[in-house]
Amino acid sequence: MKSKKGDWVLVHNVVLSKEDRAPQVPDDTKSVPLETWVKGFTNEEASIGDEVTITTMTGRNVKGKLVDINPYYKHDYGKCIPEILQIGLQLKDILFGGEDHE
């Protein structure tokens, strides 16, 4: 897939390899590289995997490997749990005394 100049994209960078991490960081942190993922607008046409320069919403220019074109959030908080809805209603009643305090 190719991006055109001005497309909204996501780039990836390895800032520090795991060998370059500071010795005082925790072991689980020390065992992985320090990475960044930054979104912005491409300054040139590119394909996934190419090194590109982007301009972020705040005007910074960032170089990185193009990993996604028109990225979006893909997470959610799972399916609705009716019991939790009831807990919220019960808690509101306990805290605010139901209709007496409206």
N, C-alpha and C. Protein backbone atom coordinates (compact mmCIF):
# COMPACT_ATOMS: atom_id res chain seq x y z
N MET A 1 0.85 -1.18 0.00
CA MET A 1 0.00 0.00 0.00
C MET A 1 0.89 1.24 0.00
N LYS A 2 0.54 2.23 -0.77
CA LYS A 2 1.32 3.46 -0.88
C LYS A 2 0.58 4.63 -0.25
N SER A 3 1.36 5.51 0.37
CA SER A 3 0.78 6.75 0.89
C SER A 3 1.17 7.88 -0.05
N LYS A 4 0.30 8.85 -0.12
CA LYS A 4 0.58 10.05 -0.91
C LYS A 4 1.07 11.14 0.05
N LYS A 5 1.72 12.13 -0.50
CA LYS A 5 2.14 13.26 0.31
C LYS A 5 0.91 13.87 0.98
N GLY A 6 1.00 14.09 2.29
CA GLY A 6 -0.11 14.67 3.04
C GLY A 6 -1.02 13.66 3.69
N ASP A 7 -0.83 12.36 3.44
CA ASP A 7 -1.66 11.33 4.09
C ASP A 7 -1.33 11.25 5.58
N TRP A 8 -2.34 10.90 6.38
CA TRP A 8 -2.18 10.68 7.82
C TRP A 8 -1.60 9.29 7.99
N VAL A 9 -0.45 9.19 8.68
CA VAL A 9 0.25 7.90 8.79
C VAL A 9 0.81 7.70 10.20
N LEU A 10 1.31 6.49 10.42
CA LEU A 10 1.97 6.13 11.67
C LEU A 10 3.37 5.64 11.33
N VAL A 11 4.39 6.20 12.02
CA VAL A 11 5.76 5.76 11.82
C VAL A 11 6.32 5.19 13.11
N HIS A 12 7.32 4.32 12.97
CA HIS A 12 7.94 3.64 14.11
C HIS A 12 9.43 3.93 14.11
N ASN A 13 9.99 4.11 15.30
CA ASN A 13 11.42 4.33 15.49
C ASN A 13 11.92 3.54 16.68
N VAL A 14 13.14 3.04 16.59
CA VAL A 14 13.84 2.50 17.75
C VAL A 14 14.76 3.61 18.22
N VAL A 15 14.47 4.15 19.39
CA VAL A 15 15.24 5.27 19.93
C VAL A 15 16.54 4.76 20.54
N LEU A 16 16.44 3.70 21.35
CA LEU A 16 17.61 3.08 21.97
C LEU A 16 17.48 1.57 21.85
N SER A 17 18.55 0.91 21.43
CA SER A 17 18.54 -0.56 21.43
C SER A 17 18.62 -1.03 22.88
N LYS A 18 18.30 -2.30 23.12
CA LYS A 18 18.32 -2.77 24.52
C LYS A 18 19.72 -2.70 25.11
N GLU A 19 20.76 -2.79 24.27
CA GLU A 19 22.14 -2.69 24.76
C GLU A 19 22.48 -1.25 25.19
N ASP A 20 21.78 -0.27 24.63
CA ASP A 20 22.06 1.13 24.94
C ASP A 20 21.23 1.68 26.10
N ARG A 21 20.35 0.86 26.66
CA ARG A 21 19.51 1.33 27.77
C ARG A 21 20.36 1.59 29.00
N ALA A 22 19.93 2.52 29.83
CA ALA A 22 20.65 2.87 31.06
C ALA A 22 20.70 1.67 32.00
N PRO A 23 21.81 1.48 32.71
CA PRO A 23 21.94 0.31 33.59
C PRO A 23 20.99 0.33 34.79
N GLN A 24 20.49 1.50 35.20
CA GLN A 24 19.65 1.57 36.39
C GLN A 24 18.17 1.30 36.12
N VAL A 25 17.77 1.12 34.84
CA VAL A 25 16.35 0.83 34.57
C VAL A 25 16.02 -0.59 35.00
N PRO A 26 14.76 -0.88 35.33
CA PRO A 26 14.37 -2.23 35.76
C PRO A 26 14.71 -3.27 34.69
N ASP A 27 14.92 -4.50 35.13
CA ASP A 27 15.34 -5.58 34.22
C ASP A 27 14.37 -5.80 33.07
N ASP A 28 13.05 -5.76 33.36
CA ASP A 28 12.09 -5.98 32.27
C ASP A 28 12.15 -4.84 31.25
N THR A 29 12.47 -3.63 31.68
CA THR A 29 12.62 -2.50 30.77
C THR A 29 13.93 -2.61 30.00
N LYS A 30 14.96 -3.03 30.70
CA LYS A 30 16.29 -3.14 30.11
C LYS A 30 16.34 -4.19 28.99
N SER A 31 15.43 -5.15 29.02
CA SER A 31 15.47 -6.26 28.07
C SER A 31 14.82 -5.95 26.72
N VAL A 32 14.25 -4.76 26.57
CA VAL A 32 13.59 -4.39 25.30
C VAL A 32 14.09 -3.02 24.84
N PRO A 33 14.05 -2.76 23.53
CA PRO A 33 14.47 -1.44 23.05
C PRO A 33 13.44 -0.37 23.43
N LEU A 34 13.90 0.89 23.45
CA LEU A 34 13.00 2.03 23.65
C LEU A 34 12.49 2.42 22.27
N GLU A 35 11.17 2.37 22.08
CA GLU A 35 10.57 2.59 20.77
C GLU A 35 9.56 3.73 20.83
N THR A 36 9.33 4.36 19.67
CA THR A 36 8.27 5.35 19.56
C THR A 36 7.42 5.06 18.34
N TRP A 37 6.15 5.39 18.46
CA TRP A 37 5.22 5.35 17.34
C TRP A 37 4.61 6.75 17.28
N VAL A 38 4.71 7.41 16.14
CA VAL A 38 4.27 8.80 16.01
C VAL A 38 3.36 8.92 14.80
N LYS A 39 2.26 9.66 14.96
CA LYS A 39 1.33 9.91 13.86
C LYS A 39 1.58 11.30 13.29
N GLY A 40 1.37 11.43 11.98
CA GLY A 40 1.52 12.72 11.34
C GLY A 40 1.21 12.62 9.85
N PHE A 41 1.51 13.69 9.14
CA PHE A 41 1.25 13.77 7.70
C PHE A 41 2.55 13.54 6.94
N THR A 42 2.51 12.65 5.93
CA THR A 42 3.73 12.36 5.17
C THR A 42 4.17 13.57 4.36
N ASN A 43 5.48 13.71 4.25
CA ASN A 43 6.06 14.78 3.46
C ASN A 43 6.43 14.31 2.06
N GLU A 44 6.28 13.01 1.80
CA GLU A 44 6.57 12.45 0.48
C GLU A 44 5.77 11.18 0.27
N GLU A 45 5.69 10.71 -0.95
CA GLU A 45 5.03 9.46 -1.27
C GLU A 45 5.90 8.31 -0.76
N ALA A 46 5.28 7.27 -0.21
CA ALA A 46 6.05 6.16 0.34
C ALA A 46 5.19 4.91 0.42
N SER A 47 5.85 3.77 0.61
CA SER A 47 5.18 2.50 0.81
C SER A 47 5.42 2.03 2.24
N ILE A 48 4.57 1.14 2.71
CA ILE A 48 4.74 0.56 4.04
C ILE A 48 6.15 -0.03 4.11
N GLY A 49 6.85 0.28 5.21
CA GLY A 49 8.21 -0.21 5.40
C GLY A 49 9.28 0.78 4.98
N ASP A 50 8.92 1.81 4.21
CA ASP A 50 9.88 2.83 3.79
C ASP A 50 10.20 3.78 4.94
N GLU A 51 11.40 4.35 4.92
CA GLU A 51 11.78 5.41 5.85
C GLU A 51 11.19 6.72 5.31
N VAL A 52 10.40 7.42 6.13
CA VAL A 52 9.74 8.65 5.69
C VAL A 52 9.92 9.75 6.73
N THR A 53 9.66 10.97 6.30
CA THR A 53 9.58 12.10 7.22
C THR A 53 8.13 12.54 7.27
N ILE A 54 7.64 12.74 8.49
CA ILE A 54 6.27 13.20 8.68
C ILE A 54 6.28 14.52 9.44
N THR A 55 5.18 15.23 9.34
CA THR A 55 4.98 16.43 10.14
C THR A 55 3.81 16.15 11.07
N THR A 56 4.05 16.28 12.38
CA THR A 56 3.02 15.98 13.37
C THR A 56 2.03 17.13 13.46
N MET A 57 0.96 16.93 14.20
CA MET A 57 -0.05 17.97 14.40
C MET A 57 0.54 19.20 15.08
N THR A 58 1.62 19.01 15.85
CA THR A 58 2.25 20.14 16.54
C THR A 58 3.36 20.78 15.72
N GLY A 59 3.57 20.28 14.49
CA GLY A 59 4.56 20.88 13.61
C GLY A 59 5.95 20.28 13.67
N ARG A 60 6.15 19.23 14.48
CA ARG A 60 7.47 18.58 14.53
C ARG A 60 7.67 17.73 13.29
N ASN A 61 8.91 17.67 12.80
CA ASN A 61 9.27 16.76 11.71
C ASN A 61 9.93 15.55 12.33
N VAL A 62 9.43 14.36 12.00
CA VAL A 62 9.91 13.12 12.58
C VAL A 62 10.19 12.14 11.45
N LYS A 63 11.34 11.44 11.54
CA LYS A 63 11.66 10.38 10.58
C LYS A 63 11.36 9.04 11.22
N GLY A 64 10.89 8.10 10.42
CA GLY A 64 10.63 6.77 10.93
C GLY A 64 10.18 5.84 9.82
N LYS A 65 10.02 4.56 10.19
CA LYS A 65 9.57 3.55 9.24
C LYS A 65 8.04 3.60 9.16
N LEU A 66 7.51 3.75 7.96
CA LEU A 66 6.07 3.82 7.76
C LEU A 66 5.45 2.46 8.08
N VAL A 67 4.52 2.45 9.06
CA VAL A 67 3.89 1.19 9.45
C VAL A 67 2.39 1.15 9.20
N ASP A 68 1.74 2.30 9.04
CA ASP A 68 0.29 2.29 8.80
C ASP A 68 -0.14 3.58 8.11
N ILE A 69 -1.13 3.46 7.25
CA ILE A 69 -1.70 4.61 6.55
C ILE A 69 -3.13 4.78 7.06
N ASN A 70 -3.50 6.00 7.41
CA ASN A 70 -4.79 6.31 8.03
C ASN A 70 -5.03 5.45 9.27
N PRO A 71 -4.11 5.50 10.25
CA PRO A 71 -4.27 4.68 11.46
C PRO A 71 -5.47 5.12 12.28
N TYR A 72 -6.01 4.18 13.03
CA TYR A 72 -7.13 4.47 13.91
C TYR A 72 -7.02 3.57 15.13
N TYR A 73 -7.74 3.91 16.18
CA TYR A 73 -7.73 3.11 17.40
C TYR A 73 -8.51 1.83 17.17
N LYS A 74 -7.90 0.70 17.50
CA LYS A 74 -8.53 -0.59 17.26
C LYS A 74 -8.92 -1.30 18.56
N HIS A 75 -8.78 -0.61 19.69
CA HIS A 75 -9.11 -1.25 20.97
C HIS A 75 -10.56 -0.93 21.37
N ASP A 76 -11.06 -1.69 22.29
CA ASP A 76 -12.35 -1.39 22.91
C ASP A 76 -12.30 -1.87 24.35
N TYR A 77 -13.37 -1.72 25.05
CA TYR A 77 -13.41 -2.11 26.45
C TYR A 77 -14.23 -3.37 26.66
N GLY A 78 -14.41 -4.15 25.60
CA GLY A 78 -15.13 -5.40 25.71
C GLY A 78 -16.63 -5.23 25.59
N LYS A 79 -17.32 -6.33 25.76
CA LYS A 79 -18.78 -6.33 25.64
C LYS A 79 -19.43 -5.75 26.89
N CYS A 80 -20.64 -5.30 26.72
CA CYS A 80 -21.41 -4.74 27.83
C CYS A 80 -21.66 -5.83 28.87
N ILE A 81 -21.47 -5.47 30.15
CA ILE A 81 -21.75 -6.39 31.25
C ILE A 81 -22.90 -5.79 32.05
N PRO A 82 -24.13 -6.33 31.89
CA PRO A 82 -25.30 -5.75 32.54
C PRO A 82 -25.18 -5.60 34.05
N GLU A 83 -24.48 -6.54 34.70
CA GLU A 83 -24.32 -6.47 36.16
C GLU A 83 -23.58 -5.20 36.58
N ILE A 84 -22.60 -4.79 35.77
CA ILE A 84 -21.85 -3.58 36.10
C ILE A 84 -22.72 -2.34 35.96
N LEU A 85 -23.64 -2.34 35.01
CA LEU A 85 -24.57 -1.22 34.88
C LEU A 85 -25.42 -1.10 36.14
N GLN A 86 -25.86 -2.22 36.68
CA GLN A 86 -26.66 -2.21 37.90
C GLN A 86 -25.86 -1.73 39.09
N ILE A 87 -24.58 -2.13 39.15
CA ILE A 87 -23.72 -1.68 40.25
C ILE A 87 -23.63 -0.15 40.23
N GLY A 88 -23.47 0.43 39.03
CA GLY A 88 -23.39 1.88 38.92
C GLY A 88 -24.65 2.56 39.42
N LEU A 89 -25.81 2.01 39.09
CA LEU A 89 -27.07 2.59 39.55
C LEU A 89 -27.22 2.47 41.06
N GLN A 90 -26.83 1.30 41.61
CA GLN A 90 -26.91 1.09 43.05
C GLN A 90 -25.97 2.03 43.79
N LEU A 91 -24.76 2.22 43.26
CA LEU A 91 -23.79 3.09 43.89
C LEU A 91 -24.29 4.54 43.92
N LYS A 92 -24.88 4.96 42.83
CA LYS A 92 -25.42 6.33 42.77
C LYS A 92 -26.50 6.50 43.83
N ASP A 93 -27.33 5.49 44.01
CA ASP A 93 -28.39 5.55 45.01
C ASP A 93 -27.81 5.62 46.43
N ILE A 94 -26.76 4.83 46.67
CA ILE A 94 -26.12 4.82 48.00
C ILE A 94 -25.46 6.18 48.27
N LEU A 95 -24.75 6.71 47.30
CA LEU A 95 -23.99 7.95 47.51
C LEU A 95 -24.88 9.18 47.58
N PHE A 96 -25.93 9.22 46.77
CA PHE A 96 -26.72 10.43 46.68
C PHE A 96 -28.13 10.28 47.24
N GLY A 97 -28.46 9.15 47.80
CA GLY A 97 -29.74 8.98 48.47
C GLY A 97 -30.94 8.88 47.57
N GLY A 98 -30.74 8.50 46.33
CA GLY A 98 -31.86 8.31 45.43
C GLY A 98 -32.58 9.59 45.10
N GLU A 99 -33.92 9.53 45.00
CA GLU A 99 -34.73 10.67 44.56
C GLU A 99 -34.78 11.80 45.59
N ASP A 100 -34.48 11.52 46.86
CA ASP A 100 -34.55 12.54 47.89
C ASP A 100 -33.57 13.69 47.68
N HIS A 101 -32.51 13.44 46.94
CA HIS A 101 -31.46 14.45 46.77
C HIS A 101 -31.37 14.98 45.32
N GLU A 102 -32.37 14.82 44.54
CA GLU A 102 -32.32 15.30 43.16
C GLU A 102 -32.82 16.72 43.07
